């Protein structure tokens, strides 16, 4: 999301509350965050609140913060955002993690960063991060760096096994 976007304050609010699995806001609270009114379609159409990845700045705000819209109650003028919980398949080559787009995006979202912010931390261009997240493999020289960034960020790649005793 570009800095200065109308929905940047919503993104910032959700990022500040990323420790919460669920955030419920009424439309007035969202308008207070935005410092202006929601469009009429937000007050009358469920589709405005859809979790689409392209073409909707409002959806970009909550999705970049790591949330999706769980429920919208148009009559009560209330929306509930739920943290995205993804089970990501992590592949290993020996003891090395094989980074793919899904895992890179999960790390970025875990860190609460936009693609541009993540790129800056890694010393690469934002377009490079976008290419990685869309399936292009990172260079071998980048893999160790991703491992270090993940370690510092407290990002775990290990699937936890459940004890059924």
Protein backbone atom coordinates (compact mmCIF):
# COMPACT_ATOMS: atom_id res chain seq x y z
CA UNK A 1 0.00 0.00 0.00
CA UNK A 2 1.32 3.39 -0.92
CA UNK A 3 2.11 5.74 1.95
CA UNK A 4 -0.63 8.35 2.27
CA UNK A 5 -3.40 6.05 1.02
CA UNK A 6 -6.83 6.75 2.47
CA UNK A 7 -6.78 3.30 4.11
CA UNK A 8 -3.26 3.55 5.57
CA UNK A 9 -4.62 4.42 9.06
CA UNK A 10 -6.66 1.19 9.06
CA UNK A 11 -3.54 -0.78 8.07
CA UNK A 12 -1.57 0.92 10.84
CA UNK A 13 -4.29 0.25 13.43
CA UNK A 14 -4.49 -3.44 12.54
CA UNK A 15 -0.70 -3.76 12.60
CA UNK A 16 -0.62 -2.15 16.06
CA UNK A 17 -3.13 -4.78 17.17
CA UNK A 18 -1.58 -7.76 15.38
CA UNK A 19 -1.27 -9.59 18.70
CA UNK A 20 -5.07 -9.98 18.56
CA UNK A 21 -6.54 -12.89 16.60
CA UNK A 22 -9.74 -10.92 16.04
CA UNK A 23 -10.55 -7.21 15.81
CA UNK A 24 -14.14 -5.94 15.61
CA UNK A 25 -14.81 -2.34 14.65
CA UNK A 26 -18.00 -0.49 13.87
CA UNK A 27 -18.15 1.71 10.81
CA UNK A 28 -17.94 4.89 12.90
CA UNK A 29 -14.68 3.68 14.48
CA UNK A 30 -13.25 2.94 11.04
CA UNK A 31 -14.33 6.38 9.81
CA UNK A 32 -12.63 7.95 12.83
CA UNK A 33 -9.43 6.10 11.94
CA UNK A 34 -9.72 7.22 8.31
CA UNK A 35 -10.63 10.76 9.36
CA UNK A 36 -13.46 10.68 6.83
CA UNK A 37 -16.51 8.75 5.69
CA UNK A 38 -16.55 5.27 4.23
CA UNK A 39 -17.99 5.09 0.72
CA UNK A 40 -21.74 4.49 0.50
CA UNK A 41 -21.05 1.03 -0.97
CA UNK A 42 -19.24 0.04 2.26
CA UNK A 43 -22.44 0.75 4.18
CA UNK A 44 -24.72 -1.15 1.81
CA UNK A 45 -22.79 -3.90 -0.01
CA UNK A 46 -21.09 -6.94 1.49
CA UNK A 47 -18.91 -7.15 -1.63
CA UNK A 48 -17.05 -3.97 -0.64
CA UNK A 49 -15.63 -5.91 2.31
CA UNK A 50 -14.43 -8.88 0.24
CA UNK A 51 -10.91 -10.19 0.72
CA UNK A 52 -9.74 -9.67 -2.84
CA UNK A 53 -6.06 -9.28 -3.54
CA UNK A 54 -6.30 -6.96 -6.52
CA UNK A 55 -8.13 -3.74 -7.24
CA UNK A 56 -9.33 -2.87 -3.75
CA UNK A 57 -7.26 -0.51 -1.63
CA UNK A 58 -9.38 -1.20 1.44
CA UNK A 59 -8.75 -4.96 1.19
CA UNK A 60 -5.04 -4.31 0.72
CA UNK A 61 -5.06 -2.51 4.08
CA UNK A 62 -6.35 -5.40 6.16
CA UNK A 63 -4.62 -8.10 4.15
CA UNK A 64 -1.20 -6.41 4.37
CA UNK A 65 -1.75 -6.24 8.13
CA UNK A 66 -2.27 -10.01 8.14
CA UNK A 67 -6.06 -10.03 8.57
CA UNK A 68 -9.10 -10.93 6.50
CA UNK A 69 -12.69 -9.87 6.91
CA UNK A 70 -14.46 -12.64 8.80
CA UNK A 71 -17.95 -11.14 9.08
CA UNK A 72 -19.72 -7.96 8.08
CA UNK A 73 -23.03 -6.94 9.61
CA UNK A 74 -24.38 -4.17 7.40
CA UNK A 75 -27.41 -3.60 9.67
CA UNK A 76 -25.30 -3.26 12.83
CA UNK A 77 -22.58 -1.43 10.86
CA UNK A 78 -19.87 -3.68 12.22
CA UNK A 79 -16.99 -5.67 10.70
CA UNK A 80 -14.82 -8.37 12.26
CA UNK A 81 -11.29 -8.92 11.03
CA UNK A 82 -9.62 -12.26 11.79
CA UNK A 83 -5.90 -12.89 11.66
CA UNK A 84 -4.84 -14.94 8.68
CA UNK A 85 -3.72 -18.32 9.86
CA UNK A 86 -2.00 -20.23 7.15
CA UNK A 87 -0.53 -23.64 7.32
CA UNK A 88 2.46 -23.37 5.08
CA UNK A 89 4.25 -26.40 3.82
CA UNK A 90 7.95 -25.94 4.52
CA UNK A 91 10.32 -27.97 2.41
CA UNK A 92 13.84 -28.77 3.52
CA UNK A 93 16.93 -29.84 1.63
CA UNK A 94 18.87 -31.53 4.39
CA UNK A 95 18.88 -28.99 7.21
CA UNK A 96 18.29 -26.01 4.87
CA UNK A 97 14.90 -24.40 4.40
CA UNK A 98 13.80 -24.15 0.77
CA UNK A 99 12.30 -20.68 0.55
CA UNK A 100 9.29 -20.23 -1.73
CA UNK A 101 6.84 -17.39 -2.34
CA UNK A 102 4.35 -18.54 0.26
CA UNK A 103 7.00 -18.82 2.96
CA UNK A 104 8.56 -15.44 2.08
CA UNK A 105 5.15 -13.76 2.22
CA UNK A 106 4.43 -15.44 5.57
CA UNK A 107 7.72 -14.12 6.97
CA UNK A 108 6.96 -10.62 5.70
CA UNK A 109 3.47 -10.66 7.21
CA UNK A 110 4.84 -12.09 10.47
CA UNK A 111 7.12 -9.06 10.61
CA UNK A 112 4.18 -6.73 9.85
CA UNK A 113 5.90 -5.25 6.81
CA UNK A 114 4.81 -4.19 3.36
CA UNK A 115 6.73 -5.55 0.40
CA UNK A 116 8.61 -2.23 0.15
CA UNK A 117 9.55 -2.26 3.86
CA UNK A 118 10.62 -5.90 3.68
CA UNK A 119 12.69 -5.19 0.57
CA UNK A 120 14.41 -2.31 2.34
CA UNK A 121 15.30 -4.56 5.29
CA UNK A 122 16.80 -7.12 2.90
CA UNK A 123 18.56 -4.56 0.70
CA UNK A 124 16.65 -5.53 -2.43
CA UNK A 125 14.11 -3.84 -4.67
CA UNK A 126 10.37 -4.13 -3.88
CA UNK A 127 9.85 -5.71 -7.31
CA UNK A 128 12.24 -8.48 -6.27
CA UNK A 129 10.12 -9.30 -3.22
CA UNK A 130 7.01 -9.26 -5.41
CA UNK A 131 8.66 -11.68 -7.85
CA UNK A 132 9.64 -14.00 -4.99
CA UNK A 133 6.10 -13.98 -3.59
CA UNK A 134 4.77 -14.80 -7.05
CA UNK A 135 6.97 -17.84 -7.55
CA UNK A 136 10.44 -16.74 -8.62
CA UNK A 137 13.10 -18.42 -6.47
CA UNK A 138 15.49 -16.16 -4.54
CA UNK A 139 19.18 -16.32 -5.42
CA UNK A 140 21.21 -18.79 -3.34
CA UNK A 141 23.09 -15.87 -1.80
CA UNK A 142 19.79 -14.57 -0.40
CA UNK A 143 18.73 -17.81 1.30
CA UNK A 144 21.06 -17.52 4.29
CA UNK A 145 20.01 -13.91 4.73
CA UNK A 146 16.33 -14.96 4.78
CA UNK A 147 17.16 -17.58 7.41
CA UNK A 148 18.88 -14.96 9.59
CA UNK A 149 16.05 -12.45 9.20
CA UNK A 150 13.53 -15.16 10.10
CA UNK A 151 15.53 -16.17 13.17
CA UNK A 152 15.82 -12.58 14.42
CA UNK A 153 12.08 -12.04 13.79
CA UNK A 154 11.18 -15.16 15.78
CA UNK A 155 9.62 -16.79 12.73
CA UNK A 156 9.44 -20.55 13.08
CA UNK A 157 9.45 -22.83 10.06
CA UNK A 158 9.03 -26.01 11.99
CA UNK A 159 5.68 -27.69 12.03
CA UNK A 160 4.85 -28.62 15.58
CA UNK A 161 3.83 -32.18 16.15
CA UNK A 162 0.87 -32.81 18.40
CA UNK A 163 1.31 -35.22 21.25
CA UNK A 164 -1.56 -37.70 21.20
CA UNK A 165 -0.59 -39.65 24.33
